[in-house]
Amino acid sequence: MRGDRVEIVIDTGDGVRAFEIEASRAGRRVEVSTNRGVVEVTEVTRNGQPVRSGRFMASRVVALVEHPSAAEAQAGEAGSRRRASPPDPRQGSLL
């Protein structure tokens, strides 16, 4: 979703360096994958076509923080405020 971003902090040996990959247009998303000691962060279109990516050695990654878009965060907050309805006493137990 547009506005999603991933922040990666890497140990460079003499300090740390931060990188950021963001879904820059509507319909794009950011995917994170870890394979064989490599962390790959990729901005992907709706069709799965990679637009921009970054590859980092997993042993050098200090922090990887996923930041949801503001719209997605607001939707999550609204959903968490709702109370679940009490169970219907006419329904039997699933156990």
Protein backbone atom coordinates (compact mmCIF):
# COMPACT_ATOMS: atom_id res chain seq x y z
CA MET A 1 0.00 0.00 0.00
CA ARG A 2 1.28 3.47 -0.79
CA GLY A 3 3.12 4.91 2.20
CA ASP A 4 4.32 1.57 3.56
CA ARG A 5 8.02 1.70 4.25
CA VAL A 6 10.77 -0.45 5.69
CA GLU A 7 13.75 0.99 7.53
CA ILE A 8 16.93 -1.10 7.66
CA VAL A 9 19.86 -0.26 9.96
CA ILE A 10 23.18 -1.85 8.95
CA ASP A 11 26.44 -2.20 10.91
CA THR A 12 29.23 -0.79 8.72
CA GLY A 13 32.09 -1.64 11.07
CA ASP A 14 32.77 1.92 12.15
CA GLY A 15 29.16 2.84 12.87
CA VAL A 16 25.70 2.23 11.53
CA ARG A 17 23.95 3.35 8.36
CA ALA A 18 20.19 3.50 7.79
CA PHE A 19 18.39 2.69 4.54
CA GLU A 20 14.71 3.15 3.76
CA ILE A 21 12.58 1.59 1.02
CA GLU A 22 9.07 2.98 0.56
CA ALA A 23 6.06 2.04 -1.58
CA SER A 24 6.05 5.28 -3.56
CA ARG A 25 2.89 4.88 -5.67
CA ALA A 26 -0.62 3.57 -5.20
CA GLY A 27 -0.90 -0.19 -5.61
CA ARG A 28 2.69 -0.90 -4.65
CA ARG A 29 3.82 -2.76 -1.57
CA VAL A 30 7.06 -3.55 0.22
CA GLU A 31 8.07 -7.17 0.75
CA VAL A 32 10.80 -8.48 3.07
CA SER A 33 12.41 -11.90 2.58
CA THR A 34 15.32 -13.68 4.24
CA ASN A 35 17.17 -16.44 2.37
CA ARG A 36 20.60 -17.98 3.02
CA GLY A 37 21.88 -15.17 5.17
CA VAL A 38 20.63 -12.37 2.91
CA VAL A 39 17.79 -9.99 3.78
CA GLU A 40 16.07 -8.59 0.69
CA VAL A 41 13.63 -5.68 0.83
CA THR A 42 11.73 -5.07 -2.42
CA GLU A 43 9.12 -2.57 -3.61
CA VAL A 44 6.71 -4.55 -5.79
CA THR A 45 3.90 -3.55 -8.17
CA ARG A 46 0.43 -5.14 -8.15
CA ASN A 47 1.61 -7.68 -10.74
CA GLY A 48 4.62 -8.70 -8.66
CA GLN A 49 7.17 -6.84 -10.80
CA PRO A 50 10.05 -5.58 -8.60
CA VAL A 51 10.65 -1.84 -8.90
CA ARG A 52 13.40 -1.23 -6.36
CA SER A 53 15.21 -3.54 -4.01
CA GLY A 54 17.97 -3.69 -1.45
CA ARG A 55 19.97 -6.74 -0.38
CA PHE A 56 21.82 -6.88 2.92
CA MET A 57 23.88 -9.51 4.72
CA ALA A 58 21.75 -10.76 7.61
CA SER A 59 24.77 -10.77 9.94
CA ARG A 60 25.15 -7.00 9.39
CA VAL A 61 21.49 -6.08 9.96
CA VAL A 62 21.09 -4.32 13.31
CA ALA A 63 17.39 -3.47 12.96
CA LEU A 64 14.63 -3.93 10.41
CA VAL A 65 11.51 -1.87 11.13
CA GLU A 66 8.31 -2.04 9.08
CA HIS A 67 6.24 1.14 9.14
CA PRO A 68 2.64 0.76 7.88
CA SER A 69 1.06 3.62 5.96
CA ALA A 70 -0.94 6.18 7.92
CA ALA A 71 -4.23 5.01 6.37
CA GLU A 72 -3.53 1.40 7.33
CA ALA A 73 -2.56 2.40 10.87
CA GLN A 74 -5.80 4.36 11.32
CA ALA A 75 -7.85 1.42 10.04
CA GLY A 76 -6.07 -0.87 12.53
CA GLU A 77 -6.80 1.47 15.42
CA ALA A 78 -10.49 1.70 14.53
CA GLY A 79 -10.72 -2.09 14.37
CA SER A 80 -9.07 -2.57 17.75
CA ARG A 81 -11.56 -0.27 19.49
CA ARG A 82 -14.52 -2.43 18.63
CA ARG A 83 -15.73 -4.82 21.23
CA ALA A 84 -16.48 -8.38 20.34
CA SER A 85 -20.12 -9.31 20.76
CA PRO A 86 -20.78 -11.75 23.59
CA PRO A 87 -21.22 -15.38 22.56
CA ASP A 88 -24.73 -16.50 21.74
CA PRO A 89 -25.91 -18.85 24.54
CA ARG A 90 -28.02 -20.79 21.99
CA GLN A 91 -24.87 -21.93 20.17
CA GLY A 92 -23.11 -25.02 21.39
CA SER A 93 -19.48 -25.14 22.41
CA LEU A 94 -16.86 -25.99 19.78
CA LEU A 95 -14.87 -28.03 22.28
